[in-house]
């Protein structure tokens, strides 16, 4: 079945958004009336006070941004300016936010309206980043500390906030949380507004075709034929090529269902439960998929456009837990043996595998994570503390377990470290501080910790959770240490690129501490496999499949370990048998010699007597 490609606008050529019409006003007012709000008149335009975003009204002039672009960023802005909607797939750290903002500002030069209406959808942790970037590009005079107005996450508060801007003016940019799209009432409310641009940051979060937020954003896009979409992400394929389906739908490249898309481009396998499982991209369809992407996609890599940016250096350190920390190893083996036996008895399930893998990863990292404190610090923790003692450079320590950082804080305090937010004027000049970016920080605390780490020399350590590493810059450090890894290569690269981005002056050293012969190595094999899948070779279904793959590697490793032990045991037994045989043979030889000596002696005695 051939793919039916559609687009409501031509890919090339400049685009001029339509101005507000009376029909727009009527449709939007009808929507607001459903929520109990009444405009002042039937022709009243519902606007939003620009000052609420922090952009002074007098700064609302049609000038290009006050930001110096790199040549490749200029090319990106030019590319997006000449297309209706764009897939901005530049690698992490190349300034996708700035390029999107500049594209909007240049579009304003061609539009008769005072300002364009721009909806920015981004993760909650990036809302401040977007606000600051908008201020830096649009209004350098703006005070960085001033807060912007945002729609809240859910419920009546959203409707009350709408009431505040019914009779105000629209902003250039209206910033909302990605989770907001899940709420149907909120989506309908904001969806009734005729946006000129919709910018979706970290667009790969909308990859699941069954997720509420994906369905919500697709529904929004279905009613916005005149709206220009900019989808920004450095990880467009997180697990498998079908992750691209929602993104292609949003930019108007296809109008097919997810099943039609996967059946056409991919090898699919029907499981025993009747579900379809992705097995790989059809090699002869790669060119057609590329033809869909190429006219509306721009994807540059740092090594190609930032030749002056130093390389990343990867370093894997094997931690021999069995040899150096035998008690930790006994705990690991006991958990591994118990977990596998339980899975065999009760049946292998995705949930059971995930639970076992998490426990094994925790024990391999530090036994205290599973409540075993008698064993003391784990092997990896001891190695990390030695590394911190041996250097005075800034280091970022990354982990998927935020609870690990609580344990690490206790260990650091024993060595005299202090959290920077508890600093005192009486602290010694050589006092070492640390900060945390783990997702537990409230409000602007997270941004403060980032700023402190970037600006304060005495802060030598940043604890970073890999799952909230989006949109932050930590170029003050050039060394990141992964205490453990997850099976998603995009998450790992996203975390690495917090350091390896514009502004980094040194080569970035990426160190991974891996427990020898543990689940760490099984996960590494999964990551390498999925990285190849992201390039279009093969793929697997979401995390459950990745868990199954990791479990298979784990079983293979255990079998290999047992075989090696049997081999070593047999070798030892053989060596023992050989040594024992040598002893027996030696004793026999000695006995023979002794008997021969007795016979000789008797013979000589007999001769003397005779």
Protein backbone atom coordinates (compact mmCIF):
# COMPACT_ATOMS: atom_id res chain seq x y z
CA UNK A 1 0.00 0.00 0.00
CA UNK A 2 1.60 3.29 -1.01
CA UNK A 3 1.98 6.06 1.54
CA UNK A 4 -0.33 9.00 1.02
CA UNK A 5 1.77 12.06 1.69
CA UNK A 6 0.00 15.29 2.42
CA UNK A 7 0.83 18.78 3.50
CA UNK A 8 -1.47 21.73 3.80
CA UNK A 9 1.36 24.07 2.79
CA UNK A 10 4.26 23.81 0.39
CA UNK A 11 7.57 22.95 2.00
CA UNK A 12 9.56 25.70 0.32
CA UNK A 13 8.90 29.42 0.07
CA UNK A 14 8.18 32.08 2.64
CA UNK A 15 5.06 31.92 4.74
CA UNK A 16 2.85 34.77 5.93
CA UNK A 17 0.51 33.91 8.85
CA UNK A 18 -3.10 35.00 8.62
CA UNK A 19 -4.15 37.94 10.80
CA UNK A 20 -6.89 37.76 13.43
CA UNK A 21 -10.32 37.51 11.78
CA UNK A 22 -13.79 38.04 13.21
CA UNK A 23 -14.37 34.31 12.76
CA UNK A 24 -11.31 33.60 14.93
CA UNK A 25 -12.65 35.91 17.61
CA UNK A 26 -16.11 34.37 17.48
CA UNK A 27 -14.85 30.76 17.66
CA UNK A 28 -12.57 31.55 20.58
CA UNK A 29 -15.24 33.46 22.47
CA UNK A 30 -17.60 30.53 21.96
CA UNK A 31 -15.03 28.25 23.57
CA UNK A 32 -14.49 30.58 26.52
CA UNK A 33 -18.22 30.91 27.09
CA UNK A 34 -18.33 27.16 27.67
CA UNK A 35 -16.09 27.79 30.69
CA UNK A 36 -18.31 30.55 32.04
CA UNK A 37 -16.37 33.58 30.75
CA UNK A 38 -17.98 36.41 28.79
CA UNK A 39 -16.05 38.79 26.56
CA UNK A 40 -17.00 42.45 26.69
CA UNK A 41 -18.46 42.33 23.18
CA UNK A 42 -18.87 39.91 20.29
CA UNK A 43 -15.89 41.48 18.51
CA UNK A 44 -13.64 41.78 21.53
CA UNK A 45 -10.22 40.23 20.88
CA UNK A 46 -9.04 38.20 23.86
CA UNK A 47 -5.49 39.33 24.34
CA UNK A 48 -2.76 38.78 26.86
CA UNK A 49 -0.78 41.53 28.55
CA UNK A 50 2.75 41.22 27.25
CA UNK A 51 4.16 42.67 30.46
CA UNK A 52 2.98 39.59 32.32
CA UNK A 53 5.69 37.65 30.51
CA UNK A 54 8.18 40.26 31.57
CA UNK A 55 8.60 41.87 28.13
CA UNK A 56 7.92 45.62 28.50
CA UNK A 57 5.39 47.02 26.02
CA UNK A 58 7.89 49.64 24.79
CA UNK A 59 10.25 46.83 23.81
CA UNK A 60 7.64 45.27 21.49
CA UNK A 61 9.20 46.50 18.26
CA UNK A 62 9.82 44.51 15.12
CA UNK A 63 13.56 44.12 15.32
CA UNK A 64 15.60 41.01 14.99
CA UNK A 65 17.02 39.43 18.10
CA UNK A 66 19.89 40.92 20.09
CA UNK A 67 21.84 37.70 19.90
CA UNK A 68 24.90 36.83 17.81
CA UNK A 69 24.32 33.59 15.96
CA UNK A 70 26.90 31.06 14.87
CA UNK A 71 27.02 30.54 11.09
CA UNK A 72 25.31 27.15 11.37
CA UNK A 73 22.57 28.69 13.54
CA UNK A 74 22.04 31.37 10.90
CA UNK A 75 21.62 28.58 8.34
CA UNK A 76 19.12 26.87 10.62
CA UNK A 77 17.04 30.04 11.03
CA UNK A 78 17.09 30.58 7.26
CA UNK A 79 15.99 26.97 6.71
CA UNK A 80 13.04 27.30 9.13
CA UNK A 81 12.06 30.73 7.84
CA UNK A 82 11.51 29.28 4.36
CA UNK A 83 9.32 26.39 5.51
CA UNK A 84 5.89 26.12 7.01
CA UNK A 85 6.84 23.61 9.73
CA UNK A 86 10.20 22.21 10.70
CA UNK A 87 11.83 19.27 12.46
CA UNK A 88 14.75 20.83 14.33
CA UNK A 89 16.85 17.75 15.18
CA UNK A 90 20.20 19.41 15.91
CA UNK A 91 22.37 17.57 18.41
CA UNK A 92 22.15 18.61 22.07
CA UNK A 93 24.09 21.76 22.82
CA UNK A 94 23.77 23.51 19.44
CA UNK A 95 21.28 26.18 20.52
CA UNK A 96 17.92 24.95 19.22
CA UNK A 97 16.04 27.36 21.52
CA UNK A 98 17.78 30.43 20.14
CA UNK A 99 17.20 29.32 16.55
CA UNK A 100 13.48 28.85 17.18
CA UNK A 101 13.15 32.30 18.79
CA UNK A 102 15.03 33.99 15.94
CA UNK A 103 12.76 32.24 13.41
CA UNK A 104 9.72 33.78 15.11
CA UNK A 105 11.28 37.25 15.21
CA UNK A 106 12.13 37.13 11.51
CA UNK A 107 8.63 35.97 10.67
CA UNK A 108 7.36 39.12 12.44
CA UNK A 109 9.20 41.22 9.88
CA UNK A 110 6.82 39.90 7.22
CA UNK A 111 3.63 39.94 9.25
CA UNK A 112 1.23 42.89 9.52
CA UNK A 113 0.23 42.12 13.12
CA UNK A 114 2.02 43.90 15.99
CA UNK A 115 3.28 40.60 17.39
CA UNK A 116 2.83 36.95 16.53
CA UNK A 117 1.09 34.52 18.85
CA UNK A 118 3.56 31.81 19.88
CA UNK A 119 2.79 28.81 22.09
CA UNK A 120 5.86 27.13 23.63
CA UNK A 121 5.34 23.62 25.03
CA UNK A 122 8.30 22.35 27.06
CA UNK A 123 9.08 20.26 30.16
CA UNK A 124 8.50 22.07 33.44
CA UNK A 125 12.23 22.08 34.16
CA UNK A 126 12.90 24.05 30.96
CA UNK A 127 10.30 26.81 31.42
CA UNK A 128 12.79 29.10 33.13
CA UNK A 129 15.39 28.35 30.44
CA UNK A 130 12.95 29.41 27.74
CA UNK A 131 12.03 32.57 29.63
CA UNK A 132 15.68 33.53 30.03
CA UNK A 133 16.51 32.79 26.39
CA UNK A 134 13.55 34.88 25.22
CA UNK A 135 14.73 37.76 27.39
CA UNK A 136 18.32 37.42 26.14
CA UNK A 137 17.28 37.43 22.48
CA UNK A 138 14.34 39.83 22.54
CA UNK A 139 14.85 42.20 25.43
CA UNK A 140 18.31 42.41 26.98
CA UNK A 141 17.10 45.22 29.27
CA UNK A 142 14.67 42.88 30.99
CA UNK A 143 15.37 41.99 34.61
CA UNK A 144 16.31 38.29 34.82
CA UNK A 145 14.56 37.79 38.14
CA UNK A 146 11.11 38.96 37.03
CA UNK A 147 8.59 36.15 36.80
CA UNK A 148 6.41 35.30 33.84
CA UNK A 149 2.74 34.34 33.75
CA UNK A 150 2.06 30.66 33.06
CA UNK A 151 -1.04 28.47 32.83
CA UNK A 152 -1.05 26.16 35.84
CA UNK A 153 -1.02 22.41 35.49
CA UNK A 154 -4.64 21.47 36.07
CA UNK A 155 -8.09 22.20 37.43
CA UNK A 156 -9.84 25.44 38.28
CA UNK A 157 -6.62 27.40 38.62
CA UNK A 158 -6.22 27.22 34.85
CA UNK A 159 -9.67 28.63 34.27
CA UNK A 160 -9.09 31.39 36.82
CA UNK A 161 -5.84 32.33 35.10
CA UNK A 162 -7.68 32.63 31.78
CA UNK A 163 -9.98 35.18 33.36
CA UNK A 164 -6.97 37.38 34.10
CA UNK A 165 -5.96 37.74 30.46
CA UNK A 166 -9.32 37.74 28.63
CA UNK A 167 -9.18 41.45 27.93
CA UNK A 168 -5.41 41.81 27.81
CA UNK A 169 -2.95 41.56 24.93
CA UNK A 170 -1.23 38.45 23.69
CA UNK A 171 2.46 37.89 24.39
CA UNK A 172 4.98 36.92 21.79
CA UNK A 173 5.51 33.70 23.69
CA UNK A 174 3.09 31.83 25.93
CA UNK A 175 4.97 29.08 27.83
CA UNK A 176 3.21 25.96 29.12
CA UNK A 177 4.31 22.70 30.69
CA UNK A 178 4.40 19.53 28.57
CA UNK A 179 2.13 17.82 31.10
CA UNK A 180 -0.51 20.47 30.44
CA UNK A 181 -1.44 18.74 27.17
CA UNK A 182 -2.77 15.75 29.12
CA UNK A 183 -5.66 17.80 30.50
CA UNK A 184 -8.46 17.79 27.92
CA UNK A 185 -10.16 20.94 29.19
CA UNK A 186 -6.91 22.91 29.16
CA UNK A 187 -6.02 21.61 25.72
CA UNK A 188 -9.40 22.67 24.34
CA UNK A 189 -9.15 26.08 25.97
CA UNK A 190 -5.75 27.00 24.58
CA UNK A 191 -6.45 25.06 21.40
CA UNK A 192 -9.22 27.53 20.61
CA UNK A 193 -6.63 30.29 20.23
CA UNK A 194 -5.30 30.80 16.66
CA UNK A 195 -1.58 30.48 17.34
CA UNK A 196 0.86 31.57 14.66
CA UNK A 197 3.62 29.30 15.96
CA UNK A 198 3.65 26.23 18.19
CA UNK A 199 7.17 25.35 19.39
CA UNK A 200 7.54 21.97 21.08
CA UNK A 201 10.80 21.50 22.94
CA UNK A 202 12.03 17.97 23.71
CA UNK A 203 9.47 16.78 21.15
CA UNK A 204 10.58 13.16 21.54
CA UNK A 205 8.44 13.07 24.69
CA UNK A 206 5.44 12.80 22.38
CA UNK A 207 6.64 9.55 20.77
CA UNK A 208 4.15 7.15 22.39
CA UNK A 209 1.10 6.99 20.07
CA UNK A 210 -1.21 5.90 22.90
CA UNK A 211 -0.12 8.47 25.50
CA UNK A 212 -2.58 11.21 26.46
CA UNK A 213 -0.12 13.99 25.77
CA UNK A 214 0.58 12.64 22.26
CA UNK A 215 -3.11 12.32 21.48
CA UNK A 216 -3.68 15.81 22.89
CA UNK A 217 -1.00 17.49 20.78
CA UNK A 218 -2.12 15.66 17.62
CA UNK A 219 -5.66 16.84 18.24
CA UNK A 220 -4.37 20.39 18.66
CA UNK A 221 -2.40 20.13 15.41
CA UNK A 222 -5.42 18.76 13.55
CA UNK A 223 -7.28 22.05 14.00
CA UNK A 224 -4.33 24.32 13.19
CA UNK A 225 -3.70 24.16 9.45
CA UNK A 226 -2.34 27.73 9.46
CA UNK A 227 -0.15 27.25 12.51
CA UNK A 228 3.56 26.71 11.96
CA UNK A 229 5.13 23.98 14.08
CA UNK A 230 8.77 23.83 15.17
CA UNK A 231 9.58 20.50 16.80
CA UNK A 232 12.93 20.60 18.60
CA UNK A 233 14.74 17.57 19.98
CA UNK A 234 18.25 16.18 19.91
CA UNK A 235 16.92 12.61 20.30
CA UNK A 236 14.19 12.12 17.67
CA UNK A 237 14.56 8.32 17.81
CA UNK A 238 14.71 7.21 21.43
CA UNK A 239 13.86 3.53 21.04
CA UNK A 240 12.93 2.77 17.44
CA UNK A 241 12.23 4.49 14.09
CA UNK A 242 8.42 4.53 14.62
CA UNK A 243 9.11 7.20 17.27
CA UNK A 244 9.11 9.56 14.28
CA UNK A 245 5.44 8.97 13.44
CA UNK A 246 3.87 11.64 15.73
CA UNK A 247 6.50 14.19 14.68
CA UNK A 248 5.84 13.61 10.98
CA UNK A 249 2.11 13.96 11.64
CA UNK A 250 2.60 17.25 13.47
CA UNK A 251 4.55 18.87 10.63
CA UNK A 252 2.05 17.66 8.03
CA UNK A 253 4.35 15.19 6.27
CA UNK A 254 1.92 12.25 6.56
CA UNK A 255 -1.70 11.64 7.40
CA UNK A 256 -1.49 7.92 8.12
CA UNK A 257 -2.28 6.03 11.30
CA UNK A 258 0.49 4.59 13.43
CA UNK A 259 -0.35 1.07 12.23
CA UNK A 260 -0.27 2.11 8.57
CA UNK A 261 3.07 3.80 9.13
CA UNK A 262 4.70 0.83 10.89
CA UNK A 263 3.26 -1.74 8.45
CA UNK A 264 4.62 0.24 5.53
CA UNK A 265 8.11 1.05 6.83
CA UNK A 266 8.84 -1.65 9.40
CA UNK A 267 9.00 -5.35 10.02
CA UNK A 268 6.33 -6.13 12.61
CA UNK A 269 5.83 -9.28 14.67
CA UNK A 270 2.55 -10.34 16.28
CA UNK A 271 3.08 -11.58 19.83
CA UNK A 272 1.13 -14.34 21.55
CA UNK A 273 -1.09 -11.70 23.14
CA UNK A 274 -1.98 -10.28 19.72
CA UNK A 275 0.09 -7.11 20.07
CA UNK A 276 2.44 -5.92 17.32
CA UNK A 277 6.12 -5.73 18.13
CA UNK A 278 8.64 -3.78 16.09
CA UNK A 279 11.45 -5.94 14.73
CA UNK A 280 13.31 -3.60 12.40
CA UNK A 281 13.19 -1.00 9.65
CA UNK A 282 12.80 -2.39 6.13
CA UNK A 283 16.13 -1.68 4.40
CA UNK A 284 14.49 -0.88 1.07
CA UNK A 285 12.20 1.70 2.76
CA UNK A 286 14.96 3.78 4.36
CA UNK A 287 15.28 6.06 1.36
CA UNK A 288 11.54 6.80 1.30
CA UNK A 289 11.58 7.60 5.00
CA UNK A 290 14.57 9.86 4.39
CA UNK A 291 12.66 11.56 1.55
CA UNK A 292 9.86 12.32 4.00
CA UNK A 293 12.23 13.84 6.52
CA UNK A 294 14.75 15.70 4.38
CA UNK A 295 12.60 18.62 3.07
CA UNK A 296 11.49 19.62 6.56
CA UNK A 297 14.33 18.39 8.80
CA UNK A 298 17.55 20.03 9.86
CA UNK A 299 19.88 17.86 11.94
CA UNK A 300 23.48 18.87 12.54
CA UNK A 301 26.08 17.24 14.77
CA UNK A 302 28.54 19.12 16.95
CA UNK A 303 31.55 17.50 15.34
CA UNK A 304 30.40 18.78 11.93
CA UNK A 305 29.48 22.40 12.76
CA UNK A 306 31.55 23.14 15.85
CA UNK A 307 34.97 21.98 14.77
CA UNK A 308 36.50 24.16 17.48
CA UNK A 309 34.59 22.24 20.18
CA UNK A 310 36.91 19.68 21.85
CA UNK A 311 36.02 16.02 21.55
CA UNK A 312 34.50 13.74 24.15
CA UNK A 313 36.84 11.13 25.60
CA UNK A 314 35.14 7.98 26.89
CA UNK A 315 36.73 6.03 29.71
CA UNK A 316 35.27 2.87 31.24
CA UNK A 317 36.66 1.76 34.59
CA UNK A 318 36.02 -1.84 35.64
CA UNK A 319 35.40 -2.18 39.37
CA UNK A 320 36.24 -5.71 40.53
CA UNK A 321 33.68 -6.11 43.31
CA UNK A 322 34.25 -9.86 43.64
CA UNK A 323 37.95 -9.44 44.28
CA UNK A 324 38.07 -6.19 46.25
CA UNK A 325 34.71 -6.19 48.07
CA UNK A 326 33.78 -9.88 48.59
CA UNK A 327 30.96 -9.16 51.05
CA UNK A 328 29.26 -6.83 48.57
CA UNK A 329 29.75 -9.47 45.88
CA UNK A 330 28.15 -12.18 48.04
CA UNK A 331 25.10 -9.94 48.47
CA UNK A 332 24.96 -9.33 44.72
CA UNK A 333 25.19 -13.03 43.88
CA UNK A 334 22.58 -13.94 46.50
CA UNK A 335 20.12 -11.40 45.05
CA UNK A 336 20.86 -12.57 41.50
CA UNK A 337 20.36 -16.24 42.37
CA UNK A 338 17.22 -15.61 44.43
CA UNK A 339 15.68 -13.29 41.80
CA UNK A 340 16.29 -15.65 38.89
CA UNK A 341 14.96 -18.63 40.84
CA UNK A 342 11.83 -16.67 41.74
CA UNK A 343 11.28 -15.69 38.10
CA UNK A 344 11.63 -19.30 37.01
CA UNK A 345 9.13 -20.47 39.64
CA UNK A 346 6.53 -17.75 39.06
CA UNK A 347 7.12 -17.18 35.35
CA UNK A 348 9.25 -14.55 33.68
CA UNK A 349 7.40 -11.22 33.47
CA UNK A 350 8.43 -7.69 32.50
CA UNK A 351 7.59 -6.39 35.99
CA UNK A 352 9.60 -9.11 37.68
CA UNK A 353 12.59 -8.53 35.43
CA UNK A 354 12.51 -4.78 36.02
CA UNK A 355 12.36 -5.24 39.79
CA UNK A 356 15.32 -7.64 39.73
CA UNK A 357 17.41 -5.41 37.47
CA UNK A 358 16.82 -2.38 39.69
CA UNK A 359 17.88 -4.30 42.81
CA UNK A 360 21.01 -5.66 41.11
CA UNK A 361 21.95 -2.20 39.83
CA UNK A 362 21.52 -0.77 43.32
CA UNK A 363 23.66 -3.45 44.95
CA UNK A 364 26.36 -3.09 42.29
CA UNK A 365 26.39 0.66 42.99
CA UNK A 366 26.16 0.67 46.79
CA UNK A 367 24.57 -1.95 49.12
CA UNK A 368 23.17 0.83 51.30
CA UNK A 369 20.63 1.56 48.54
CA UNK A 370 18.84 -1.69 49.46
CA UNK A 371 19.09 -1.02 53.20
CA UNK A 372 22.24 -3.05 53.90
CA UNK A 373 24.37 -0.56 55.83
CA UNK A 374 26.56 -3.08 57.72
CA UNK A 375 28.67 -3.61 54.61
CA UNK A 376 29.62 0.07 54.51
CA UNK A 377 30.27 2.00 51.32
CA UNK A 378 30.11 0.22 47.98
CA UNK A 379 33.13 -0.34 45.77
CA UNK A 380 32.07 2.36 43.29
CA UNK A 381 31.48 4.91 46.05
CA UNK A 382 34.93 4.27 47.49
CA UNK A 383 36.47 4.73 44.03
CA UNK A 384 34.54 7.98 43.49
CA UNK A 385 35.66 9.40 46.84
CA UNK A 386 39.27 8.54 45.97
CA UNK A 387 38.84 10.37 42.65
CA UNK A 388 37.52 13.46 44.44
CA UNK A 389 40.45 13.39 46.87
CA UNK A 390 42.94 13.21 44.01
CA UNK A 391 41.69 16.20 42.00
CA UNK A 392 40.76 19.83 42.44
CA UNK A 393 38.75 20.09 39.21
CA UNK A 394 34.98 20.44 39.03
CA UNK A 395 33.27 17.06 38.55
CA UNK A 396 29.69 16.15 37.66
CA UNK A 397 28.52 12.87 39.20
CA UNK A 398 25.52 11.32 37.41
CA UNK A 399 23.18 8.58 38.60
CA UNK A 400 19.68 7.36 37.90
CA UNK A 401 19.08 6.87 41.65
CA UNK A 402 18.40 10.14 43.45
CA UNK A 403 18.48 8.27 46.77
CA UNK A 404 22.14 7.53 46.09
CA UNK A 405 22.97 11.22 46.35
CA UNK A 406 21.61 11.26 49.91
CA UNK A 407 24.13 8.56 50.82
CA UNK A 408 26.90 10.34 48.94
CA UNK A 409 26.15 13.58 50.80
CA UNK A 410 26.71 11.80 54.13
CA UNK A 411 30.05 10.44 52.88
CA UNK A 412 31.11 13.87 51.62
CA UNK A 413 30.23 15.58 54.90
CA UNK A 414 32.43 13.07 56.73
CA UNK A 415 35.27 14.28 54.55
CA UNK A 416 34.55 17.95 55.28
CA UNK A 417 32.45 18.90 52.23
CA UNK A 418 29.48 21.25 52.63
CA UNK A 419 26.37 22.00 50.55
CA UNK A 420 26.75 25.44 49.02
CA UNK A 421 23.34 26.58 50.20
CA UNK A 422 24.58 26.13 53.80
CA UNK A 423 27.74 28.20 53.34
CA UNK A 424 28.78 30.66 56.04
CA UNK A 425 31.04 33.71 56.00
CA UNK A 426 33.29 31.95 58.51
CA UNK A 427 34.01 29.00 56.19
CA UNK A 428 37.66 28.37 55.37
CA UNK A 429 38.99 29.67 52.08
CA UNK A 430 39.76 26.15 50.85
CA UNK A 431 36.30 24.83 51.82
CA UNK A 432 34.86 22.50 49.16
CA UNK A 433 31.16 22.73 48.32
CA UNK A 434 28.68 20.70 46.28
CA UNK A 435 25.28 21.28 44.67
CA UNK A 436 22.46 18.96 43.65
CA UNK A 437 20.27 18.82 40.53
CA UNK A 438 18.04 15.84 41.19
CA UNK A 439 14.45 16.91 40.49
CA UNK A 440 13.63 17.35 44.18
CA UNK A 441 14.54 21.02 44.17
CA UNK A 442 11.57 23.40 44.36
CA UNK A 443 10.87 26.51 42.30
CA UNK A 444 13.97 28.32 41.09
CA UNK A 445 16.29 26.31 43.35
CA UNK A 446 17.32 24.06 40.46
CA UNK A 447 18.31 27.02 38.30
CA UNK A 448 20.21 28.55 41.24
CA UNK A 449 22.22 25.36 41.68
CA UNK A 450 23.13 25.40 37.98
CA UNK A 451 24.19 29.07 38.18
CA UNK A 452 26.25 28.46 41.33
CA UNK A 453 28.09 25.53 39.79
CA UNK A 454 28.86 27.57 36.69
CA UNK A 455 30.05 30.67 38.54
CA UNK A 456 31.52 29.68 41.94
CA UNK A 457 35.04 28.21 41.88
CA UNK A 458 34.80 26.57 45.30
CA UNK A 459 31.91 24.35 44.18
CA UNK A 460 33.76 21.25 43.05
CA UNK A 461 30.94 18.75 42.68
CA UNK A 462 27.52 18.65 41.07
CA UNK A 463 25.23 15.67 41.69
CA UNK A 464 23.07 15.22 38.60
CA UNK A 465 20.10 12.91 38.07
CA UNK A 466 20.19 11.57 34.52
CA UNK A 467 16.40 11.76 34.19
CA UNK A 468 16.16 15.54 34.62
CA UNK A 469 19.29 16.57 32.72
CA UNK A 470 17.42 18.31 29.90
CA UNK A 471 18.05 21.93 29.09
CA UNK A 472 20.83 22.76 31.54
CA UNK A 473 24.42 23.85 30.93
CA UNK A 474 27.31 22.60 33.09
CA UNK A 475 30.28 23.65 30.96
CA UNK A 476 32.20 24.79 34.05
CA UNK A 477 33.18 21.12 34.35
CA UNK A 478 34.88 18.93 31.75
CA UNK A 479 34.60 15.62 33.63
CA UNK A 480 31.41 13.62 34.19
CA UNK A 481 31.33 10.34 36.12
CA UNK A 482 28.44 7.91 35.60
CA UNK A 483 27.92 5.79 38.69
CA UNK A 484 25.38 3.66 36.85
CA UNK A 485 23.67 3.73 33.46
CA UNK A 486 20.17 3.16 32.11
CA UNK A 487 19.36 1.26 28.91
CA UNK A 488 18.42 4.35 26.96
CA UNK A 489 21.36 5.68 24.96
CA UNK A 490 19.55 9.00 24.33
CA UNK A 491 19.35 9.66 28.09
CA UNK A 492 23.06 8.95 28.50
CA UNK A 493 24.04 11.23 25.61
CA UNK A 494 21.66 13.92 26.84
CA UNK A 495 23.43 13.86 30.20
CA UNK A 496 26.92 13.91 28.66
CA UNK A 497 25.99 16.90 26.53
CA UNK A 498 25.24 19.05 29.56
CA UNK A 499 29.03 19.49 29.56
CA UNK A 500 29.80 18.99 25.88
CA UNK A 501 28.10 22.02 24.32
CA UNK A 502 28.73 25.57 23.19
CA UNK A 503 30.93 27.28 25.78
CA UNK A 504 33.01 24.21 26.60
CA UNK A 505 36.73 24.97 26.21
CA UNK A 506 38.19 21.59 27.17
CA UNK A 507 37.82 17.99 26.04
CA UNK A 508 35.06 16.34 28.05
CA UNK A 509 36.08 13.18 29.88
CA UNK A 510 33.16 10.74 30.24
CA UNK A 511 33.94 8.13 32.89
CA UNK A 512 31.67 5.13 33.50
CA UNK A 513 32.22 3.05 36.64
CA UNK A 514 31.09 -0.49 35.86
CA UNK A 515 30.96 -3.44 38.20
CA UNK A 516 32.96 -6.25 36.61
CA UNK A 517 30.80 -9.23 35.63
CA UNK A 518 27.60 -7.53 36.87
CA UNK A 519 24.38 -6.15 35.46
CA UNK A 520 26.34 -3.03 34.45
CA UNK A 521 27.90 -4.90 31.54
CA UNK A 522 24.55 -6.40 30.51
CA UNK A 523 23.09 -2.89 30.39
CA UNK A 524 26.02 -1.65 28.33
CA UNK A 525 25.29 -4.30 25.67
CA UNK A 526 21.65 -3.17 25.58
CA UNK A 527 22.66 0.49 25.22
CA UNK A 528 24.96 -0.29 22.31
CA UNK A 529 22.23 -2.32 20.62
CA UNK A 530 19.62 0.41 21.03
CA UNK A 531 22.05 3.05 19.80
CA UNK A 532 22.30 1.08 16.57
CA UNK A 533 18.50 0.87 16.46
CA UNK A 534 18.25 4.65 16.74
CA UNK A 535 20.40 4.88 13.63
CA UNK A 536 17.76 2.88 11.77
CA UNK A 537 19.17 -0.64 11.81
CA UNK A 538 17.02 -2.43 14.40
CA UNK A 539 14.79 -1.55 17.35
CA UNK A 540 12.84 -2.93 20.24
CA UNK A 541 9.59 -2.09 22.00
CA UNK A 542 9.96 0.44 24.79
CA UNK A 543 11.55 -0.31 28.14
CA UNK A 544 9.92 -3.72 28.70
CA UNK A 545 11.75 -5.11 25.67
CA UNK A 546 14.95 -3.45 26.82
CA UNK A 547 14.49 -5.06 30.22
CA UNK A 548 14.03 -8.47 28.60
CA UNK A 549 17.14 -7.92 26.50
CA UNK A 550 19.16 -6.91 29.55
CA UNK A 551 17.85 -9.93 31.46
CA UNK A 552 18.95 -12.22 28.61
CA UNK A 553 22.44 -10.71 28.77
CA UNK A 554 22.39 -11.17 32.55
CA UNK A 555 21.45 -14.86 32.24
CA UNK A 556 24.21 -15.37 29.69
CA UNK A 557 26.72 -13.67 31.97
CA UNK A 558 25.68 -15.84 34.91
CA UNK A 559 25.99 -18.99 32.83
CA UNK A 560 29.40 -17.88 31.60
CA UNK A 561 30.43 -17.11 35.16
CA UNK A 562 29.28 -20.55 36.36
CA UNK A 563 31.00 -22.25 33.43
CA UNK A 564 34.17 -20.34 34.17
CA UNK A 565 33.95 -21.35 37.80
CA UNK A 566 33.37 -24.98 36.83
CA UNK A 567 36.29 -24.70 34.47
CA UNK A 568 38.46 -23.18 37.17
CA UNK A 569 37.30 -25.85 39.63
CA UNK A 570 38.01 -28.66 37.19
CA UNK A 571 41.38 -27.13 36.43
CA UNK A 572 42.18 -26.91 40.13
CA UNK A 573 41.03 -30.50 40.65
CA UNK A 574 43.12 -31.61 37.71
CA UNK A 575 46.13 -29.71 39.00
CA UNK A 576 45.54 -31.20 42.45
CA UNK A 577 45.26 -34.67 40.97
CA UNK A 578 48.42 -34.18 38.98
CA UNK A 579 50.30 -32.90 42.02
CA UNK A 580 48.91 -35.77 44.09
CA UNK A 581 49.98 -38.24 41.45
CA UNK A 582 53.45 -36.71 41.40
CA UNK A 583 53.65 -37.15 45.17
CA UNK A 584 52.47 -40.75 44.91
CA UNK A 585 54.92 -41.47 42.11
CA UNK A 586 57.69 -39.84 44.11
CA UNK A 587 56.79 -41.92 47.16
CA UNK A 588 56.78 -45.06 45.03
CA UNK A 589 60.17 -44.20 43.62
CA UNK A 590 61.50 -43.56 47.10
CA UNK A 591 60.03 -46.83 48.31
CA UNK A 592 61.59 -48.74 45.41
CA UNK A 593 64.94 -47.10 46.02
CA UNK A 594 64.65 -47.90 49.70
CA UNK A 595 63.86 -51.54 48.99
CA UNK A 596 66.67 -51.73 46.47
CA UNK A 597 68.99 -50.22 49.05
CA UNK A 598 67.89 -52.82 51.66
CA UNK A 599 68.50 -55.65 49.22
CA UNK A 600 71.95 -54.33 48.37
CA UNK A 601 72.77 -53.99 52.03
CA UNK A 602 71.65 -57.54 52.77
CA UNK A 603 73.68 -58.83 49.85
CA UNK A 604 76.79 -57.07 51.05
CA UNK A 605 76.27 -58.34 54.57
CA UNK A 606 75.85 -61.89 53.26
CA UNK A 607 79.08 -61.58 51.31
CA UNK A 608 81.00 -60.45 54.40
CA UNK A 609 79.63 -63.30 56.48
CA UNK A 610 80.50 -65.80 53.83
